[in-house]
Each structure stands twice: as C-alpha cells, then as structure tokens.
N, C-alpha and C. Protein backbone atom coordinates (compact mmCIF):
# COMPACT_ATOMS: atom_id res chain seq x y z
N MET A 1 16.44 140.65 62.09
CA MET A 1 15.58 142.04 61.12
C MET A 1 16.77 142.51 61.48
N VAL A 2 17.25 142.87 62.62
CA VAL A 2 18.29 143.72 63.01
C VAL A 2 19.42 144.13 62.34
N ALA A 3 20.04 142.64 62.51
CA ALA A 3 21.43 142.32 61.39
C ALA A 3 20.84 143.26 59.84
N HIS A 4 19.42 142.53 59.60
CA HIS A 4 19.16 143.05 58.16
C HIS A 4 19.25 144.67 58.06
N GLU A 5 18.64 145.24 58.31
CA GLU A 5 18.85 146.56 58.47
C GLU A 5 20.14 147.22 59.06
N LEU A 6 20.53 146.88 59.87
CA LEU A 6 22.16 146.93 60.39
C LEU A 6 23.26 147.13 58.81
N SER A 7 22.93 145.65 58.05
CA SER A 7 24.12 145.11 57.22
C SER A 7 23.01 146.59 56.16
N HIS A 8 22.42 147.32 55.86
CA HIS A 8 21.90 148.20 54.90
C HIS A 8 22.95 149.75 55.37
N SER A 9 23.00 149.88 56.31
CA SER A 9 24.39 150.41 56.83
C SER A 9 25.30 150.71 55.72
N TYR A 10 26.02 149.69 55.16
CA TYR A 10 26.93 149.89 53.82
C TYR A 10 26.50 149.25 52.81
N PHE A 11 25.69 147.84 52.88
CA PHE A 11 24.92 147.37 51.38
C PHE A 11 23.84 148.26 51.46
N GLY A 12 23.80 149.56 50.58
CA GLY A 12 22.46 150.51 50.40
C GLY A 12 22.52 152.13 50.43
N ASN A 13 23.54 151.64 52.05
CA ASN A 13 24.25 153.52 52.10
C ASN A 13 25.12 153.78 51.60
N GLY A 14 26.02 152.86 51.73
CA GLY A 14 27.23 152.90 51.12
C GLY A 14 27.55 152.80 49.79
N VAL A 15 27.00 151.32 49.53
CA VAL A 15 27.19 150.71 48.20
C VAL A 15 25.71 150.45 47.59
N THR A 16 25.46 151.37 46.32
CA THR A 16 24.27 150.85 46.27
C THR A 16 24.15 151.11 44.64
N HIS A 17 22.87 150.64 43.64
CA HIS A 17 23.33 150.23 42.58
C HIS A 17 22.55 151.17 41.94
N ALA A 18 23.10 151.46 40.66
CA ALA A 18 22.60 152.92 39.56
C ALA A 18 20.85 153.19 39.39
N HIS A 19 20.37 151.36 38.78
CA HIS A 19 19.78 151.52 38.05
C HIS A 19 18.54 150.54 39.01
N ALA A 20 17.23 150.45 38.82
CA ALA A 20 16.58 149.39 39.99
C ALA A 20 17.22 148.39 39.32
N SER A 21 16.94 147.62 38.73
CA SER A 21 17.67 146.60 37.34
C SER A 21 18.26 145.70 38.47
N HIS A 22 18.92 146.54 39.41
CA HIS A 22 19.87 145.66 40.33
C HIS A 22 19.97 145.72 41.59
N PHE A 23 18.14 145.51 41.65
CA PHE A 23 17.82 145.58 43.08
C PHE A 23 18.51 144.86 44.07
N TRP A 24 19.19 143.64 43.29
CA TRP A 24 19.43 141.87 44.32
C TRP A 24 20.79 142.64 44.94
N LEU A 25 21.40 143.85 44.58
CA LEU A 25 22.81 144.41 44.78
C LEU A 25 22.47 144.94 46.49
N ASN A 26 21.67 145.59 46.52
CA ASN A 26 21.19 145.97 48.24
C ASN A 26 20.36 144.83 49.17
N GLU A 27 19.34 143.83 48.03
CA GLU A 27 18.98 143.43 49.07
C GLU A 27 19.29 141.63 49.80
N GLY A 28 20.21 141.47 48.26
CA GLY A 28 21.36 140.06 48.66
C GLY A 28 22.13 140.47 48.82
N TRP A 29 22.79 141.03 48.66
CA TRP A 29 23.88 141.28 49.72
C TRP A 29 23.07 141.26 51.43
N THR A 30 22.52 142.25 51.44
CA THR A 30 21.90 142.49 52.95
C THR A 30 21.90 141.22 53.54
N THR A 31 20.61 140.26 52.90
CA THR A 31 20.23 139.18 53.09
C THR A 31 21.49 138.25 53.65
N TYR A 32 22.09 138.22 52.80
CA TYR A 32 23.35 137.06 52.77
C TYR A 32 24.61 137.64 54.31
N THR A 33 24.59 138.86 54.42
CA THR A 33 24.95 139.00 55.54
C THR A 33 24.73 139.01 56.48
N GLU A 34 23.01 139.33 56.27
CA GLU A 34 22.15 139.06 57.87
C GLU A 34 22.73 137.48 58.05
N ARG A 35 22.50 136.42 57.32
CA ARG A 35 22.61 135.15 57.18
C ARG A 35 24.04 134.97 58.05
N VAL A 36 25.10 135.28 57.58
CA VAL A 36 26.40 135.15 57.99
C VAL A 36 26.30 135.27 59.70
N LEU A 37 26.22 136.76 59.41
CA LEU A 37 25.96 137.05 61.47
C LEU A 37 25.14 136.20 62.13
N MET A 38 23.95 135.64 61.98
CA MET A 38 22.69 134.78 62.32
C MET A 38 24.09 133.37 62.69
N GLY A 39 24.56 132.69 61.44
CA GLY A 39 25.32 131.87 61.53
C GLY A 39 26.91 131.87 62.90
N ALA A 40 27.84 133.54 62.85
CA ALA A 40 28.12 133.44 63.94
C ALA A 40 27.88 133.99 65.12
N VAL A 41 26.68 134.03 65.44
CA VAL A 41 25.77 134.47 66.64
C VAL A 41 25.10 133.36 67.24
N HIS A 42 24.62 132.67 66.22
CA HIS A 42 23.31 131.30 66.83
C HIS A 42 23.77 130.19 66.25
N GLY A 43 24.97 130.08 65.55
CA GLY A 43 25.55 128.54 64.83
C GLY A 43 25.10 128.19 63.40
N PRO A 44 25.56 127.67 63.02
CA PRO A 44 25.26 127.10 61.59
C PRO A 44 24.07 126.75 61.04
N LEU A 45 23.47 125.76 61.74
CA LEU A 45 22.07 125.45 61.67
C LEU A 45 20.85 126.49 61.64
N GLU A 46 20.85 127.73 62.34
CA GLU A 46 20.62 128.39 62.53
C GLU A 46 19.94 129.64 61.37
N ARG A 47 21.36 129.65 60.48
CA ARG A 47 22.12 130.25 59.19
C ARG A 47 21.61 129.20 58.32
N SER A 48 21.08 128.18 58.38
CA SER A 48 20.66 126.98 57.38
C SER A 48 19.38 126.96 57.35
N PHE A 49 18.62 126.87 58.40
CA PHE A 49 17.26 126.59 58.73
C PHE A 49 16.64 128.25 57.88
N SER A 50 17.59 129.57 58.21
CA SER A 50 17.00 130.78 56.81
C SER A 50 17.62 130.64 56.03
N TYR A 51 17.84 130.00 55.55
CA TYR A 51 17.83 129.79 54.26
C TYR A 51 17.13 128.65 53.65
N ILE A 52 16.80 127.62 54.04
CA ILE A 52 15.40 127.26 54.05
C ILE A 52 13.89 127.72 54.19
N ILE A 53 13.94 128.44 55.02
CA ILE A 53 12.81 129.60 54.91
C ILE A 53 12.73 130.32 54.14
N GLY A 54 13.71 131.15 53.34
CA GLY A 54 13.84 131.77 52.58
C GLY A 54 13.58 130.95 51.27
N ARG A 55 14.08 129.73 50.98
CA ARG A 55 13.82 128.71 49.74
C ARG A 55 12.38 128.64 49.66
N ASN A 56 11.61 128.52 50.73
CA ASN A 56 10.20 128.42 50.41
C ASN A 56 9.46 130.08 50.54
N SER A 57 9.87 130.81 50.76
CA SER A 57 9.57 132.22 49.85
C SER A 57 9.84 132.54 48.80
N LEU A 58 10.89 131.72 48.27
CA LEU A 58 11.45 132.10 47.17
C LEU A 58 10.40 131.23 46.00
N THR A 59 10.08 130.31 46.20
CA THR A 59 8.94 129.35 45.89
C THR A 59 7.66 130.13 45.48
N GLU A 60 6.88 130.53 46.70
CA GLU A 60 5.97 131.01 46.21
C GLU A 60 5.87 132.61 45.92
N ALA A 61 6.93 133.45 45.80
CA ALA A 61 7.33 134.38 44.85
C ALA A 61 7.59 134.17 43.36
N PHE A 62 7.89 132.92 43.02
CA PHE A 62 8.02 132.23 41.55
C PHE A 62 7.01 132.38 40.95
N LYS A 63 5.80 131.67 42.17
CA LYS A 63 4.63 131.02 41.35
C LYS A 63 3.40 132.77 41.24
N GLN A 64 4.24 133.99 41.73
CA GLN A 64 3.32 135.12 41.65
C GLN A 64 3.51 135.72 40.79
N TYR A 65 4.66 135.39 39.63
CA TYR A 65 5.64 136.08 38.66
C TYR A 65 5.48 135.02 37.16
N THR A 66 4.66 133.43 37.41
CA THR A 66 4.51 132.84 36.15
C THR A 66 3.94 133.44 34.82
N ASP A 67 3.56 134.98 34.74
CA ASP A 67 3.53 135.32 33.63
C ASP A 67 3.83 136.77 33.29
N LYS A 68 5.10 136.81 34.33
CA LYS A 68 6.27 137.57 34.05
C LYS A 68 7.37 137.15 34.27
N LEU A 69 8.03 136.56 33.68
CA LEU A 69 8.66 135.51 34.16
C LEU A 69 10.26 136.34 33.93
N LYS A 70 10.27 137.27 33.52
CA LYS A 70 11.52 138.10 33.94
C LYS A 70 11.49 139.04 35.28
N TYR A 71 10.83 138.68 36.09
CA TYR A 71 10.65 139.47 37.48
C TYR A 71 11.04 138.50 38.04
N GLN A 72 11.42 137.09 37.62
CA GLN A 72 11.97 136.02 38.22
C GLN A 72 13.42 135.80 37.97
N GLN A 73 13.70 136.93 37.16
CA GLN A 73 15.20 137.01 37.10
C GLN A 73 16.06 138.08 38.30
N LEU A 74 17.27 137.61 38.48
CA LEU A 74 17.97 138.18 39.75
C LEU A 74 18.50 139.54 38.78
N VAL A 75 18.27 139.70 37.83
CA VAL A 75 18.90 140.81 37.60
C VAL A 75 17.70 141.36 36.63
N ILE A 76 16.59 142.74 36.33
CA ILE A 76 15.08 142.20 35.75
C ILE A 76 15.61 143.53 34.46
N PRO A 77 15.86 143.18 33.47
CA PRO A 77 15.32 144.24 32.19
C PRO A 77 14.42 145.06 32.17
N PHE A 78 14.20 146.15 33.02
CA PHE A 78 12.90 146.65 32.60
C PHE A 78 12.76 147.79 31.70
N GLU A 79 11.41 147.91 30.85
CA GLU A 79 11.61 148.92 29.88
C GLU A 79 11.30 150.44 30.00
N LYS A 80 11.42 151.02 29.40
CA LYS A 80 10.80 152.49 29.63
C LYS A 80 9.51 152.67 30.18
N GLY A 81 9.50 153.40 31.14
CA GLY A 81 8.20 153.71 31.86
C GLY A 81 8.00 152.71 32.52
N GLU A 82 8.21 151.30 32.90
CA GLU A 82 7.65 150.17 33.47
C GLU A 82 8.03 150.86 34.37
N ASP A 83 7.08 150.48 35.91
CA ASP A 83 7.26 150.70 37.37
C ASP A 83 8.09 149.56 38.16
N PRO A 84 9.34 150.03 38.47
CA PRO A 84 9.54 148.78 39.43
C PRO A 84 9.21 148.23 40.34
N ASP A 85 8.39 148.93 41.24
CA ASP A 85 7.32 148.20 42.48
C ASP A 85 6.69 147.33 42.01
N ASP A 86 6.21 146.66 40.57
CA ASP A 86 5.88 145.87 39.91
C ASP A 86 6.30 144.42 40.30
N ALA A 87 7.34 144.45 40.34
CA ALA A 87 8.52 143.44 40.28
C ALA A 87 8.83 143.17 41.77
N TYR A 88 8.61 143.92 42.77
CA TYR A 88 8.73 143.74 44.13
C TYR A 88 8.62 142.49 44.97
N SER A 89 9.60 141.59 45.20
CA SER A 89 9.16 140.40 45.83
C SER A 89 10.36 140.02 46.68
N THR A 90 10.08 138.95 47.04
CA THR A 90 11.07 138.00 47.81
C THR A 90 12.35 138.19 47.25
N ILE A 91 11.86 137.91 45.79
CA ILE A 91 12.96 137.44 44.82
C ILE A 91 14.85 138.24 45.05
N PRO A 92 15.10 139.17 44.84
CA PRO A 92 15.93 139.66 44.84
C PRO A 92 16.63 139.84 45.95
N TYR A 93 15.96 139.76 47.23
CA TYR A 93 16.32 139.21 48.66
C TYR A 93 16.86 137.51 48.60
N GLU A 94 15.83 136.58 48.47
CA GLU A 94 16.46 135.45 48.04
C GLU A 94 17.44 135.01 47.24
N LYS A 95 17.22 135.39 45.97
CA LYS A 95 17.76 134.96 44.93
C LYS A 95 19.42 135.43 44.95
N GLY A 96 19.50 136.69 45.35
CA GLY A 96 20.50 137.50 45.35
C GLY A 96 21.37 136.30 46.81
N SER A 97 20.75 136.89 48.12
CA SER A 97 21.47 135.28 48.88
C SER A 97 21.90 134.12 48.65
N ASN A 98 21.21 133.37 47.86
CA ASN A 98 21.77 132.26 47.41
C ASN A 98 22.81 132.31 46.47
N PHE A 99 22.50 133.11 45.33
CA PHE A 99 24.07 133.19 44.52
C PHE A 99 24.86 133.49 45.55
N LEU A 100 25.27 134.55 45.94
CA LEU A 100 26.47 134.88 47.13
C LEU A 100 26.99 133.67 47.89
N LEU A 101 25.84 132.93 48.32
CA LEU A 101 26.03 131.59 49.31
C LEU A 101 26.72 130.22 47.96
N VAL A 102 26.22 130.60 47.18
CA VAL A 102 27.00 129.50 46.23
C VAL A 102 28.40 129.66 45.70
N ARG A 103 28.20 131.07 45.62
CA ARG A 103 29.94 131.38 45.40
C ARG A 103 30.69 131.41 46.82
N GLU A 104 30.28 131.36 47.66
CA GLU A 104 30.79 131.38 49.22
C GLU A 104 31.72 129.93 48.89
N VAL A 105 30.43 128.79 48.94
CA VAL A 105 30.68 127.66 49.27
C VAL A 105 31.41 126.99 47.93
N HIS A 106 31.58 127.49 46.57
CA HIS A 106 32.65 127.43 45.60
C HIS A 106 33.86 127.62 46.10
N CYS A 107 34.18 128.57 46.17
CA CYS A 107 35.14 129.39 46.90
C CYS A 107 36.26 128.63 48.27
N TRP A 108 35.11 128.10 49.22
CA TRP A 108 35.20 127.43 50.13
C TRP A 108 35.98 125.69 49.35
N PHE A 109 35.54 124.83 48.51
CA PHE A 109 35.62 123.97 48.04
C PHE A 109 36.82 123.85 47.00
N THR A 110 37.18 125.13 46.61
CA THR A 110 38.18 125.05 45.65
C THR A 110 39.29 125.26 46.40
N PHE A 111 39.00 126.54 47.25
CA PHE A 111 40.27 127.29 48.00
C PHE A 111 40.50 126.50 49.30
N GLY A 112 39.68 126.53 49.89
CA GLY A 112 39.74 125.76 51.31
C GLY A 112 39.57 126.93 52.08
N THR A 113 39.62 126.87 53.51
CA THR A 113 39.12 127.79 54.41
C THR A 113 40.25 128.94 54.26
N GLU A 114 41.43 128.60 53.97
CA GLU A 114 42.37 129.77 53.88
C GLU A 114 42.85 130.12 52.71
N GLY A 115 41.20 129.93 51.81
CA GLY A 115 41.59 130.64 50.33
C GLY A 115 41.19 132.15 50.46
N ALA A 116 41.63 132.51 49.30
CA ALA A 116 41.92 134.11 48.52
C ALA A 116 40.52 134.72 48.74
N CYS A 117 39.79 133.94 48.40
CA CYS A 117 38.37 134.59 47.78
C CYS A 117 36.77 133.78 49.32
N CYS A 118 37.44 133.66 50.15
CA CYS A 118 36.81 132.51 51.16
C CYS A 118 36.10 134.04 51.59
N SER A 119 36.08 134.94 51.95
CA SER A 119 35.78 136.05 52.56
C SER A 119 34.89 136.68 51.37
N ILE A 120 34.12 136.90 50.89
CA ILE A 120 33.28 137.36 49.13
C ILE A 120 33.67 138.56 48.98
C-alpha cells in the first residue's frame, strides 16, 4: 500500500487525466508501478501473486456491472450529468495494471531485456 501511495506522487499528482473517463491512468499506472516495486523488493513470485489476487478482485468487480457493461471498460464514455462515482470499482486499477503488464511482456518478447520499450 505504501508503494501504491508513493506512486501517486508521480502518477496522479505530476501526471493526471483531463477527464474522469481516463481514471485508469492514475490508478492503473500506480497499481502497475506498485507491483513492479514489489517484484524488485520481494521477488517476482510476490509480484505474480499480487496479479492473481487482483484478477480475483477484477472478476468480482465485473459481476457488479453486468447491467452496466460500459463500466467494465478501461476508458468509460460518461454521458453529460452522469456521476463518475457510479463506476468506481477495482476495474480501472486492475484492468489498467494488466494492460500495462501485457505491454511489458510484449516488449520483452519482442525486443528482449535490452529492448527499447522494455521500460514502459
């Protein structure tokens, strides 16, 4: 949790989204960064375990929004007057972090550990 909140000092304070539709930019990047730090400090298994726990949380969050599928999206197209708090869940945290993990893995397989895009 400390790593997550420290990550906010950059992703959220220094870099932020212009509209609530892109809330994942704060929370997805911060969750991803938290897990990178966890892996560096505690090892890759700890990082992997955190993604497993996050996946379970994401699955439960999807169940909350079976009647509002747009709230399951990474970028939510809010309508004028719609309250962004209605869409608040772990989805932007976990889905955003998983998106960045997929980018990391893709870069690693494409370019190797010395590749140009390995540090997202």
